[in-house]
Amino acid sequence: MTTEPPAEAPRTDHDSPWKDALEYYFEECLQLLFPAIHAQIDWSKGYSFLDKELQQITADAQTGRHHADKLVKVYALQGQETWVLIHAEVQGTPDSGFPARM
């Protein structure tokens, strides 16, 4: 008699809501969590999220899920384009694969 291996329980997605909030409140998040970086950005020039570009360069990751974090194009006060990469990782329980994902 052949038995199939037990199905893995679906993983709860704790990261996506935080990443959505980071996108919606990007300027406020930087102001609260990274005030020195916030102060170096020319907010009058706007910013744009480059998630699709980030997904293209991380597509070969060997970590299972391929949810890209937030890559944001901003402009420094001196005028040059620069990028901000934000990695959010929410852990509800211990995970032996955590160091490999980082």
PDB file of N, CA and C in Angstrom:
ATOM      1  N   MET A   1       0.837  -1.168   0.000  1.00  0.00           N
ATOM      2  CA  MET A   1       0.000   0.000   0.000  1.00  0.00           C
ATOM      3  C   MET A   1       0.889   1.240   0.000  1.00  0.00           C
ATOM      4  N   THR A   2       0.637   2.136  -0.934  1.00  0.00           N
ATOM      5  CA  THR A   2       1.415   3.369  -1.041  1.00  0.00           C
ATOM      6  C   THR A   2       0.660   4.495  -0.353  1.00  0.00           C
ATOM      7  N   THR A   3       1.364   5.197   0.470  1.00  0.00           N
ATOM      8  CA  THR A   3       0.727   6.355   1.115  1.00  0.00           C
ATOM      9  C   THR A   3       1.429   7.620   0.662  1.00  0.00           C
ATOM     10  N   GLU A   4       0.678   8.656   0.557  1.00  0.00           N
ATOM     11  CA  GLU A   4       1.237   9.945   0.167  1.00  0.00           C
ATOM     12  C   GLU A   4       1.762  10.657   1.406  1.00  0.00           C
ATOM     13  N   PRO A   5       2.813  11.469   1.231  1.00  0.00           N
ATOM     14  CA  PRO A   5       3.305  12.219   2.390  1.00  0.00           C
ATOM     15  C   PRO A   5       2.231  13.186   2.866  1.00  0.00           C
ATOM     16  N   PRO A   6       2.240  13.489   4.166  1.00  0.00           N
ATOM     17  CA  PRO A   6       1.223  14.410   4.670  1.00  0.00           C
ATOM     18  C   PRO A   6       1.364  15.785   4.016  1.00  0.00           C
ATOM     19  N   ALA A   7       0.221  16.363   3.735  1.00  0.00           N
ATOM     20  CA  ALA A   7       0.229  17.699   3.123  1.00  0.00           C
ATOM     21  C   ALA A   7       0.701  18.717   4.151  1.00  0.00           C
ATOM     22  N   GLU A   8       1.498  19.667   3.673  1.00  0.00           N
ATOM     23  CA  GLU A   8       1.948  20.729   4.572  1.00  0.00           C
ATOM     24  C   GLU A   8       0.789  21.678   4.838  1.00  0.00           C
ATOM     25  N   ALA A   9       0.737  22.152   6.055  1.00  0.00           N
ATOM     26  CA  ALA A   9      -0.291  23.138   6.388  1.00  0.00           C
ATOM     27  C   ALA A   9       0.025  24.432   5.655  1.00  0.00           C
ATOM     28  N   PRO A  10      -0.997  25.116   5.147  1.00  0.00           N
ATOM     29  CA  PRO A  10      -0.731  26.378   4.456  1.00  0.00           C
ATOM     30  C   PRO A  10      -0.103  27.390   5.421  1.00  0.00           C
ATOM     31  N   ARG A  11       0.865  28.126   4.912  1.00  0.00           N
ATOM     32  CA  ARG A  11       1.546  29.116   5.731  1.00  0.00           C
ATOM     33  C   ARG A  11       0.707  30.383   5.791  1.00  0.00           C
ATOM     34  N   THR A  12       0.646  30.934   6.961  1.00  0.00           N
ATOM     35  CA  THR A  12      -0.071  32.189   7.131  1.00  0.00           C
ATOM     36  C   THR A  12       0.810  33.307   6.601  1.00  0.00           C
ATOM     37  N   ASP A  13       0.224  34.176   5.823  1.00  0.00           N
ATOM     38  CA  ASP A  13       0.961  35.284   5.228  1.00  0.00           C
ATOM     39  C   ASP A  13       0.877  36.498   6.147  1.00  0.00           C
ATOM     40  N   HIS A  14       1.883  36.637   7.014  1.00  0.00           N
ATOM     41  CA  HIS A  14       1.922  37.772   7.933  1.00  0.00           C
ATOM     42  C   HIS A  14       2.563  38.995   7.296  1.00  0.00           C
ATOM     43  N   ASP A  15       3.343  38.806   6.242  1.00  0.00           N
ATOM     44  CA  ASP A  15       4.128  39.900   5.668  1.00  0.00           C
ATOM     45  C   ASP A  15       3.322  40.842   4.778  1.00  0.00           C
ATOM     46  N   SER A  16       2.419  40.293   3.964  1.00  0.00           N
ATOM     47  CA  SER A  16       1.740  41.128   2.967  1.00  0.00           C
ATOM     48  C   SER A  16       0.996  42.322   3.558  1.00  0.00           C
ATOM     49  N   PRO A  17       0.244  42.175   4.651  1.00  0.00           N
ATOM     50  CA  PRO A  17      -0.418  43.362   5.194  1.00  0.00           C
ATOM     51  C   PRO A  17       0.570  44.440   5.624  1.00  0.00           C
ATOM     52  N   TRP A  18       1.703  44.031   6.170  1.00  0.00           N
ATOM     53  CA  TRP A  18       2.719  45.009   6.576  1.00  0.00           C
ATOM     54  C   TRP A  18       3.321  45.692   5.362  1.00  0.00           C
ATOM     55  N   LYS A  19       3.554  44.936   4.315  1.00  0.00           N
ATOM     56  CA  LYS A  19       4.114  45.522   3.092  1.00  0.00           C
ATOM     57  C   LYS A  19       3.116  46.459   2.436  1.00  0.00           C
ATOM     58  N   ASP A  20       1.841  46.111   2.497  1.00  0.00           N
ATOM     59  CA  ASP A  20       0.809  47.020   1.985  1.00  0.00           C
ATOM     60  C   ASP A  20       0.793  48.314   2.788  1.00  0.00           C
ATOM     61  N   ALA A  21       0.894  48.191   4.105  1.00  0.00           N
ATOM     62  CA  ALA A  21       0.916  49.383   4.957  1.00  0.00           C
ATOM     63  C   ALA A  21       2.156  50.229   4.677  1.00  0.00           C
ATOM     64  N   LEU A  22       3.300  49.573   4.450  1.00  0.00           N
ATOM     65  CA  LEU A  22       4.521  50.320   4.128  1.00  0.00           C
ATOM     66  C   LEU A  22       4.348  51.113   2.840  1.00  0.00           C
ATOM     67  N   GLU A  23       3.658  50.534   1.892  1.00  0.00           N
ATOM     68  CA  GLU A  23       3.435  51.246   0.631  1.00  0.00           C
ATOM     69  C   GLU A  23       2.474  52.423   0.826  1.00  0.00           C
ATOM     70  N   TYR A  24       1.405  52.186   1.545  1.00  0.00           N
ATOM     71  CA  TYR A  24       0.399  53.231   1.743  1.00  0.00           C
ATOM     72  C   TYR A  24       0.936  54.376   2.609  1.00  0.00           C
ATOM     73  N   TYR A  25       1.740  54.028   3.620  1.00  0.00           N
ATOM     74  CA  TYR A  25       2.275  55.018   4.564  1.00  0.00           C
ATOM     75  C   TYR A  25       3.795  55.138   4.452  1.00  0.00           C
ATOM     76  N   PHE A  26       4.322  55.041   3.254  1.00  0.00           N
ATOM     77  CA  PHE A  26       5.775  55.017   3.069  1.00  0.00           C
ATOM     78  C   PHE A  26       6.475  56.212   3.725  1.00  0.00           C
ATOM     79  N   GLU A  27       6.058  57.404   3.387  1.00  0.00           N
ATOM     80  CA  GLU A  27       6.730  58.587   3.942  1.00  0.00           C
ATOM     81  C   GLU A  27       6.618  58.611   5.466  1.00  0.00           C
ATOM     82  N   GLU A  28       5.449  58.320   5.981  1.00  0.00           N
ATOM     83  CA  GLU A  28       5.243  58.328   7.427  1.00  0.00           C
ATOM     84  C   GLU A  28       6.068  57.247   8.125  1.00  0.00           C
ATOM     85  N   CYS A  29       6.170  56.059   7.494  1.00  0.00           N
ATOM     86  CA  CYS A  29       6.976  54.976   8.075  1.00  0.00           C
ATOM     87  C   CYS A  29       8.437  55.376   8.179  1.00  0.00           C
ATOM     88  N   LEU A  30       8.955  55.974   7.098  1.00  0.00           N
ATOM     89  CA  LEU A  30      10.346  56.410   7.159  1.00  0.00           C
ATOM     90  C   LEU A  30      10.544  57.501   8.199  1.00  0.00           C
ATOM     91  N   GLN A  31       9.584  58.405   8.284  1.00  0.00           N
ATOM     92  CA  GLN A  31       9.698  59.488   9.261  1.00  0.00           C
ATOM     93  C   GLN A  31       9.712  58.928  10.688  1.00  0.00           C
ATOM     94  N   LEU A  32       8.894  57.927  10.952  1.00  0.00           N
ATOM     95  CA  LEU A  32       8.809  57.338  12.281  1.00  0.00           C
ATOM     96  C   LEU A  32       9.990  56.426  12.600  1.00  0.00           C
ATOM     97  N   LEU A  33      10.319  55.521  11.661  1.00  0.00           N
ATOM     98  CA  LEU A  33      11.302  54.477  11.930  1.00  0.00           C
ATOM     99  C   LEU A  33      12.732  54.835  11.531  1.00  0.00           C
ATOM    100  N   PHE A  34      12.885  55.676  10.505  1.00  0.00           N
ATOM    101  CA  PHE A  34      14.206  56.034   9.996  1.00  0.00           C
ATOM    102  C   PHE A  34      14.273  57.533   9.741  1.00  0.00           C
ATOM    103  N   PRO A  35      14.186  58.346  10.792  1.00  0.00           N
ATOM    104  CA  PRO A  35      14.120  59.800  10.596  1.00  0.00           C
ATOM    105  C   PRO A  35      15.338  60.388   9.882  1.00  0.00           C
ATOM    106  N   ALA A  36      16.507  59.816  10.070  1.00  0.00           N
ATOM    107  CA  ALA A  36      17.700  60.346   9.388  1.00  0.00           C
ATOM    108  C   ALA A  36      17.595  60.145   7.878  1.00  0.00           C
ATOM    109  N   ILE A  37      17.080  59.009   7.450  1.00  0.00           N
ATOM    110  CA  ILE A  37      16.889  58.751   6.017  1.00  0.00           C
ATOM    111  C   ILE A  37      15.765  59.634   5.490  1.00  0.00           C
ATOM    112  N   HIS A  38      14.679  59.723   6.224  1.00  0.00           N
ATOM    113  CA  HIS A  38      13.550  60.568   5.823  1.00  0.00           C
ATOM    114  C   HIS A  38      14.017  61.997   5.558  1.00  0.00           C
ATOM    115  N   ALA A  39      14.896  62.502   6.395  1.00  0.00           N
ATOM    116  CA  ALA A  39      15.369  63.888   6.274  1.00  0.00           C
ATOM    117  C   ALA A  39      16.241  64.108   5.048  1.00  0.00           C
ATOM    118  N   GLN A  40      16.767  63.042   4.444  1.00  0.00           N
ATOM    119  CA  GLN A  40      17.651  63.168   3.280  1.00  0.00           C
ATOM    120  C   GLN A  40      16.901  63.076   1.948  1.00  0.00           C
ATOM    121  N   ILE A  41      15.580  62.881   1.999  1.00  0.00           N
ATOM    122  CA  ILE A  41      14.782  62.688   0.782  1.00  0.00           C
ATOM    123  C   ILE A  41      14.056  63.976   0.425  1.00  0.00           C
ATOM    124  N   ASP A  42      14.068  64.287  -0.871  1.00  0.00           N
ATOM    125  CA  ASP A  42      13.305  65.424  -1.385  1.00  0.00           C
ATOM    126  C   ASP A  42      11.901  64.923  -1.705  1.00  0.00           C
ATOM    127  N   TRP A  43      10.999  65.055  -0.763  1.00  0.00           N
ATOM    128  CA  TRP A  43       9.649  64.525  -0.895  1.00  0.00           C
ATOM    129  C   TRP A  43       8.841  65.259  -1.950  1.00  0.00           C
ATOM    130  N   SER A  44       9.249  66.479  -2.317  1.00  0.00           N
ATOM    131  CA  SER A  44       8.506  67.226  -3.336  1.00  0.00           C
ATOM    132  C   SER A  44       8.632  66.586  -4.720  1.00  0.00           C
ATOM    133  N   LYS A  45       9.647  65.742  -4.922  1.00  0.00           N
ATOM    134  CA  LYS A  45       9.838  65.069  -6.213  1.00  0.00           C
ATOM    135  C   LYS A  45       9.090  63.746  -6.303  1.00  0.00           C
ATOM    136  N   GLY A  46       8.434  63.363  -5.231  1.00  0.00           N
ATOM    137  CA  GLY A  46       7.676  62.122  -5.243  1.00  0.00           C
ATOM    138  C   GLY A  46       8.569  60.893  -5.122  1.00  0.00           C
ATOM    139  N   TYR A  47       7.956  59.748  -5.255  1.00  0.00           N
ATOM    140  CA  TYR A  47       8.662  58.469  -5.172  1.00  0.00           C
ATOM    141  C   TYR A  47       7.838  57.437  -5.927  1.00  0.00           C
ATOM    142  N   SER A  48       8.485  56.348  -6.303  1.00  0.00           N
ATOM    143  CA  SER A  48       7.763  55.289  -7.002  1.00  0.00           C
ATOM    144  C   SER A  48       8.270  53.932  -6.547  1.00  0.00           C
ATOM    145  N   PHE A  49       7.350  52.990  -6.465  1.00  0.00           N
ATOM    146  CA  PHE A  49       7.679  51.644  -6.028  1.00  0.00           C
ATOM    147  C   PHE A  49       8.135  50.822  -7.230  1.00  0.00           C
ATOM    148  N   LEU A  50       9.204  50.086  -7.043  1.00  0.00           N
ATOM    149  CA  LEU A  50       9.810  49.286  -8.113  1.00  0.00           C
ATOM    150  C   LEU A  50       9.705  47.798  -7.785  1.00  0.00           C
ATOM    151  N   ASP A  51       8.556  47.378  -7.304  1.00  0.00           N
ATOM    152  CA  ASP A  51       8.389  45.988  -6.897  1.00  0.00           C
ATOM    153  C   ASP A  51       8.594  45.008  -8.046  1.00  0.00           C
ATOM    154  N   LYS A  52       8.094  45.341  -9.235  1.00  0.00           N
ATOM    155  CA  LYS A  52       8.245  44.431 -10.367  1.00  0.00           C
ATOM    156  C   LYS A  52       9.724  44.275 -10.738  1.00  0.00           C
ATOM    157  N   GLU A  53      10.470  45.362 -10.676  1.00  0.00           N
ATOM    158  CA  GLU A  53      11.905  45.289 -10.958  1.00  0.00           C
ATOM    159  C   GLU A  53      12.615  44.450  -9.897  1.00  0.00           C
ATOM    160  N   LEU A  54      12.218  44.605  -8.641  1.00  0.00           N
ATOM    161  CA  LEU A  54      12.823  43.815  -7.574  1.00  0.00           C
ATOM    162  C   LEU A  54      12.498  42.339  -7.756  1.00  0.00           C
ATOM    163  N   GLN A  55      11.271  42.018  -8.146  1.00  0.00           N
ATOM    164  CA  GLN A  55      10.895  40.621  -8.371  1.00  0.00           C
ATOM    165  C   GLN A  55      11.725  40.000  -9.485  1.00  0.00           C
ATOM    166  N   GLN A  56      12.073  40.786 -10.496  1.00  0.00           N
ATOM    167  CA  GLN A  56      12.872  40.261 -11.606  1.00  0.00           C
ATOM    168  C   GLN A  56      14.267  39.861 -11.144  1.00  0.00           C
ATOM    169  N   ILE A  57      14.852  40.637 -10.245  1.00  0.00           N
ATOM    170  CA  ILE A  57      16.217  40.321  -9.823  1.00  0.00           C
ATOM    171  C   ILE A  57      16.271  39.326  -8.682  1.00  0.00           C
ATOM    172  N   THR A  58      15.126  39.040  -8.037  1.00  0.00           N
ATOM    173  CA  THR A  58      15.100  38.065  -6.954  1.00  0.00           C
ATOM    174  C   THR A  58      14.362  36.789  -7.343  1.00  0.00           C
ATOM    175  N   ALA A  59      14.021  36.629  -8.601  1.00  0.00           N
ATOM    176  CA  ALA A  59      13.223  35.477  -9.041  1.00  0.00           C
ATOM    177  C   ALA A  59      13.931  34.153  -8.808  1.00  0.00           C
ATOM    178  N   ASP A  60      15.252  34.142  -8.728  1.00  0.00           N
ATOM    179  CA  ASP A  60      15.985  32.898  -8.556  1.00  0.00           C
ATOM    180  C   ASP A  60      16.219  32.528  -7.097  1.00  0.00           C
ATOM    181  N   ALA A  61      15.625  33.253  -6.190  1.00  0.00           N
ATOM    182  CA  ALA A  61      15.823  32.981  -4.762  1.00  0.00           C
ATOM    183  C   ALA A  61      15.365  31.561  -4.439  1.00  0.00           C
ATOM    184  N   GLN A  62      16.062  30.915  -3.535  1.00  0.00           N
ATOM    185  CA  GLN A  62      15.766  29.531  -3.174  1.00  0.00           C
ATOM    186  C   GLN A  62      15.048  29.462  -1.829  1.00  0.00           C
ATOM    187  N   THR A  63      14.129  30.365  -1.568  1.00  0.00           N
ATOM    188  CA  THR A  63      13.507  30.430  -0.251  1.00  0.00           C
ATOM    189  C   THR A  63      12.062  29.978  -0.233  1.00  0.00           C
ATOM    190  N   GLY A  64      11.554  29.427  -1.296  1.00  0.00           N
ATOM    191  CA  GLY A  64      10.158  29.004  -1.309  1.00  0.00           C
ATOM    192  C   GLY A  64       9.286  30.104  -1.883  1.00  0.00           C
ATOM    193  N   ARG A  65       8.684  30.893  -1.022  1.00  0.00           N
ATOM    194  CA  ARG A  65       7.837  31.981  -1.488  1.00  0.00           C
ATOM    195  C   ARG A  65       8.707  33.055  -2.116  1.00  0.00           C
ATOM    196  N   HIS A  66       8.163  33.709  -3.118  1.00  0.00           N
ATOM    197  CA  HIS A  66       8.920  34.731  -3.834  1.00  0.00           C
ATOM    198  C   HIS A  66       8.216  36.080  -3.737  1.00  0.00           C
ATOM    199  N   HIS A  67       7.867  36.484  -2.536  1.00  0.00           N
ATOM    200  CA  HIS A  67       7.258  37.793  -2.343  1.00  0.00           C
ATOM    201  C   HIS A  67       8.380  38.799  -2.153  1.00  0.00           C
ATOM    202  N   ALA A  68       8.483  39.710  -3.071  1.00  0.00           N
ATOM    203  CA  ALA A  68       9.521  40.732  -2.966  1.00  0.00           C
ATOM    204  C   ALA A  68       9.139  41.727  -1.908  1.00  0.00           C
ATOM    205  N   ASP A  69      10.138  42.326  -1.317  1.00  0.00           N
ATOM    206  CA  ASP A  69       9.920  43.389  -0.365  1.00  0.00           C
ATOM    207  C   ASP A  69       9.707  44.683  -1.132  1.00  0.00           C
ATOM    208  N   LYS A  70       9.881  45.790  -0.480  1.00  0.00           N
ATOM    209  CA  LYS A  70       9.615  47.078  -1.118  1.00  0.00           C
ATOM    210  C   LYS A  70      10.911  47.739  -1.562  1.00  0.00           C
ATOM    211  N   LEU A  71      10.985  48.039  -2.855  1.00  0.00           N
ATOM    212  CA  LEU A  71      12.074  48.807  -3.434  1.00  0.00           C
ATOM    213  C   LEU A  71      11.441  50.098  -3.934  1.00  0.00           C
ATOM    214  N   VAL A  72      11.975  51.233  -3.452  1.00  0.00           N
ATOM    215  CA  VAL A  72      11.352  52.517  -3.743  1.00  0.00           C
ATOM    216  C   VAL A  72      12.385  53.467  -4.330  1.00  0.00           C
ATOM    217  N   LYS A  73      12.031  54.064  -5.458  1.00  0.00           N
ATOM    218  CA  LYS A  73      12.897  55.087  -6.061  1.00  0.00           C
ATOM    219  C   LYS A  73      12.511  56.426  -5.445  1.00  0.00           C
ATOM    220  N   VAL A  74      13.516  57.095  -4.869  1.00  0.00           N
ATOM    221  CA  VAL A  74      13.317  58.412  -4.275  1.00  0.00           C
ATOM    222  C   VAL A  74      14.402  59.338  -4.819  1.00  0.00           C
ATOM    223  N   TYR A  75      14.304  60.608  -4.466  1.00  0.00           N
ATOM    224  CA  TYR A  75      15.318  61.577  -4.858  1.00  0.00           C
ATOM    225  C   TYR A  75      15.887  62.226  -3.608  1.00  0.00           C
ATOM    226  N   ALA A  76      17.204  62.241  -3.527  1.00  0.00           N
ATOM    227  CA  ALA A  76      17.880  62.861  -2.389  1.00  0.00           C
ATOM    228  C   ALA A  76      17.774  64.377  -2.507  1.00  0.00           C
ATOM    229  N   LEU A  77      17.993  65.049  -1.401  1.00  0.00           N
ATOM    230  CA  LEU A  77      17.939  66.510  -1.397  1.00  0.00           C
ATOM    231  C   LEU A  77      18.905  67.121  -2.402  1.00  0.00           C
ATOM    232  N   GLN A  78      20.012  66.440  -2.702  1.00  0.00           N
ATOM    233  CA  GLN A  78      20.988  66.929  -3.672  1.00  0.00           C
ATOM    234  C   GLN A  78      20.532  66.685  -5.107  1.00  0.00           C
ATOM    235  N   GLY A  79      19.403  66.001  -5.283  1.00  0.00           N
ATOM    236  CA  GLY A  79      18.833  65.814  -6.614  1.00  0.00           C
ATOM    237  C   GLY A  79      19.041  64.450  -7.239  1.00  0.00           C
ATOM    238  N   GLN A  80      19.954  63.637  -6.731  1.00  0.00           N
ATOM    239  CA  GLN A  80      20.224  62.350  -7.378  1.00  0.00           C
ATOM    240  C   GLN A  80      19.160  61.313  -7.019  1.00  0.00           C
ATOM    241  N   GLU A  81      18.864  60.474  -8.018  1.00  0.00           N
ATOM    242  CA  GLU A  81      17.958  59.351  -7.799  1.00  0.00           C
ATOM    243  C   GLU A  81      18.654  58.347  -6.902  1.00  0.00           C
ATOM    244  N   THR A  82      17.932  57.795  -5.959  1.00  0.00           N
ATOM    245  CA  THR A  82      18.471  56.744  -5.107  1.00  0.00           C
ATOM    246  C   THR A  82      17.342  55.783  -4.771  1.00  0.00           C
ATOM    247  N   TRP A  83      17.682  54.621  -4.276  1.00  0.00           N
ATOM    248  CA  TRP A  83      16.690  53.605  -3.976  1.00  0.00           C
ATOM    249  C   TRP A  83      16.701  53.279  -2.491  1.00  0.00           C
ATOM    250  N   VAL A  84      15.528  52.985  -1.983  1.00  0.00           N
ATOM    251  CA  VAL A  84      15.362  52.540  -0.601  1.00  0.00           C
ATOM    252  C   VAL A  84      14.787  51.129  -0.663  1.00  0.00           C
ATOM    253  N   LEU A  85      15.477  50.197  -0.035  1.00  0.00           N
ATOM    254  CA  LEU A  85      14.991  48.819   0.031  1.00  0.00           C
ATOM    255  C   LEU A  85      14.536  48.553   1.453  1.00  0.00           C
ATOM    256  N   ILE A  86      13.285  48.132   1.587  1.00  0.00           N
ATOM    257  CA  ILE A  86      12.731  47.828   2.901  1.00  0.00           C
ATOM    258  C   ILE A  86      12.393  46.345   2.939  1.00  0.00           C
ATOM    259  N   HIS A  87      12.931  45.667   3.931  1.00  0.00           N
ATOM    260  CA  HIS A  87      12.631  44.252   4.118  1.00  0.00           C
ATOM    261  C   HIS A  87      11.831  44.110   5.403  1.00  0.00           C
ATOM    262  N   ALA A  88      10.618  43.599   5.286  1.00  0.00           N
ATOM    263  CA  ALA A  88       9.770  43.365   6.455  1.00  0.00           C
ATOM    264  C   ALA A  88       9.597  41.868   6.642  1.00  0.00           C
ATOM    265  N   GLU A  89       9.826  41.402   7.830  1.00  0.00           N
ATOM    266  CA  GLU A  89       9.686  39.986   8.136  1.00  0.00           C
ATOM    267  C   GLU A  89       8.953  39.874   9.461  1.00  0.00           C
ATOM    268  N   VAL A  90       7.771  39.310   9.414  1.00  0.00           N
ATOM    269  CA  VAL A  90       6.959  39.149  10.619  1.00  0.00           C
ATOM    270  C   VAL A  90       6.985  37.680  11.001  1.00  0.00           C
ATOM    271  N   GLN A  91       7.409  37.388  12.216  1.00  0.00           N
ATOM    272  CA  GLN A  91       7.494  36.013  12.700  1.00  0.00           C
ATOM    273  C   GLN A  91       6.517  35.834  13.856  1.00  0.00           C
ATOM    274  N   GLY A  92       5.636  34.871  13.722  1.00  0.00           N
ATOM    275  CA  GLY A  92       4.703  34.569  14.793  1.00  0.00           C
ATOM    276  C   GLY A  92       5.161  33.391  15.637  1.00  0.00           C
ATOM    277  N   THR A  93       5.971  32.538  15.029  1.00  0.00           N
ATOM    278  CA  THR A  93       6.478  31.357  15.728  1.00  0.00           C
ATOM    279  C   THR A  93       7.924  31.120  15.284  1.00  0.00           C
ATOM    280  N   PRO A  94       8.680  30.359  16.055  1.00  0.00           N
ATOM    281  CA  PRO A  94      10.051  30.048  15.640  1.00  0.00           C
ATOM    282  C   PRO A  94      10.053  29.317  14.295  1.00  0.00           C
ATOM    283  N   ASP A  95      11.060  29.599  13.487  1.00  0.00           N
ATOM    284  CA  ASP A  95      11.167  28.992  12.167  1.00  0.00           C
ATOM    285  C   ASP A  95      12.631  28.690  11.907  1.00  0.00           C
ATOM    286  N   SER A  96      12.963  27.421  11.764  1.00  0.00           N
ATOM    287  CA  SER A  96      14.364  27.040  11.562  1.00  0.00           C
ATOM    288  C   SER A  96      14.920  27.579  10.248  1.00  0.00           C
ATOM    289  N   GLY A  97      14.068  27.923   9.277  1.00  0.00           N
ATOM    290  CA  GLY A  97      14.524  28.455   8.008  1.00  0.00           C
ATOM    291  C   GLY A  97      14.724  29.955   7.998  1.00  0.00           C
ATOM    292  N   PHE A  98      14.448  30.603   9.127  1.00  0.00           N
ATOM    293  CA  PHE A  98      14.532  32.065   9.200  1.00  0.00           C
ATOM    294  C   PHE A  98      15.919  32.593   8.802  1.00  0.00           C
ATOM    295  N   PRO A  99      17.024  32.061   9.354  1.00  0.00           N
ATOM    296  CA  PRO A  99      18.341  32.590   8.966  1.00  0.00           C
ATOM    297  C   PRO A  99      18.613  32.468   7.468  1.00  0.00           C
ATOM    298  N   ALA A 100      18.169  31.402   6.838  1.00  0.00           N
ATOM    299  CA  ALA A 100      18.404  31.224   5.402  1.00  0.00           C
ATOM    300  C   ALA A 100      17.623  32.260   4.598  1.00  0.00           C
ATOM    301  N   ARG A 101      16.414  32.598   5.038  1.00  0.00           N
ATOM    302  CA  ARG A 101      15.621  33.593   4.338  1.00  0.00           C
ATOM    303  C   ARG A 101      16.237  34.976   4.473  1.00  0.00           C
ATOM    304  N   MET A 102      16.892  35.228   5.568  1.00  0.00           N
ATOM    305  CA  MET A 102      17.492  36.544   5.769  1.00  0.00           C
ATOM    306  C   MET A 102      18.745  36.668   4.934  1.00  0.00           C
TER     307      MET A 102
END
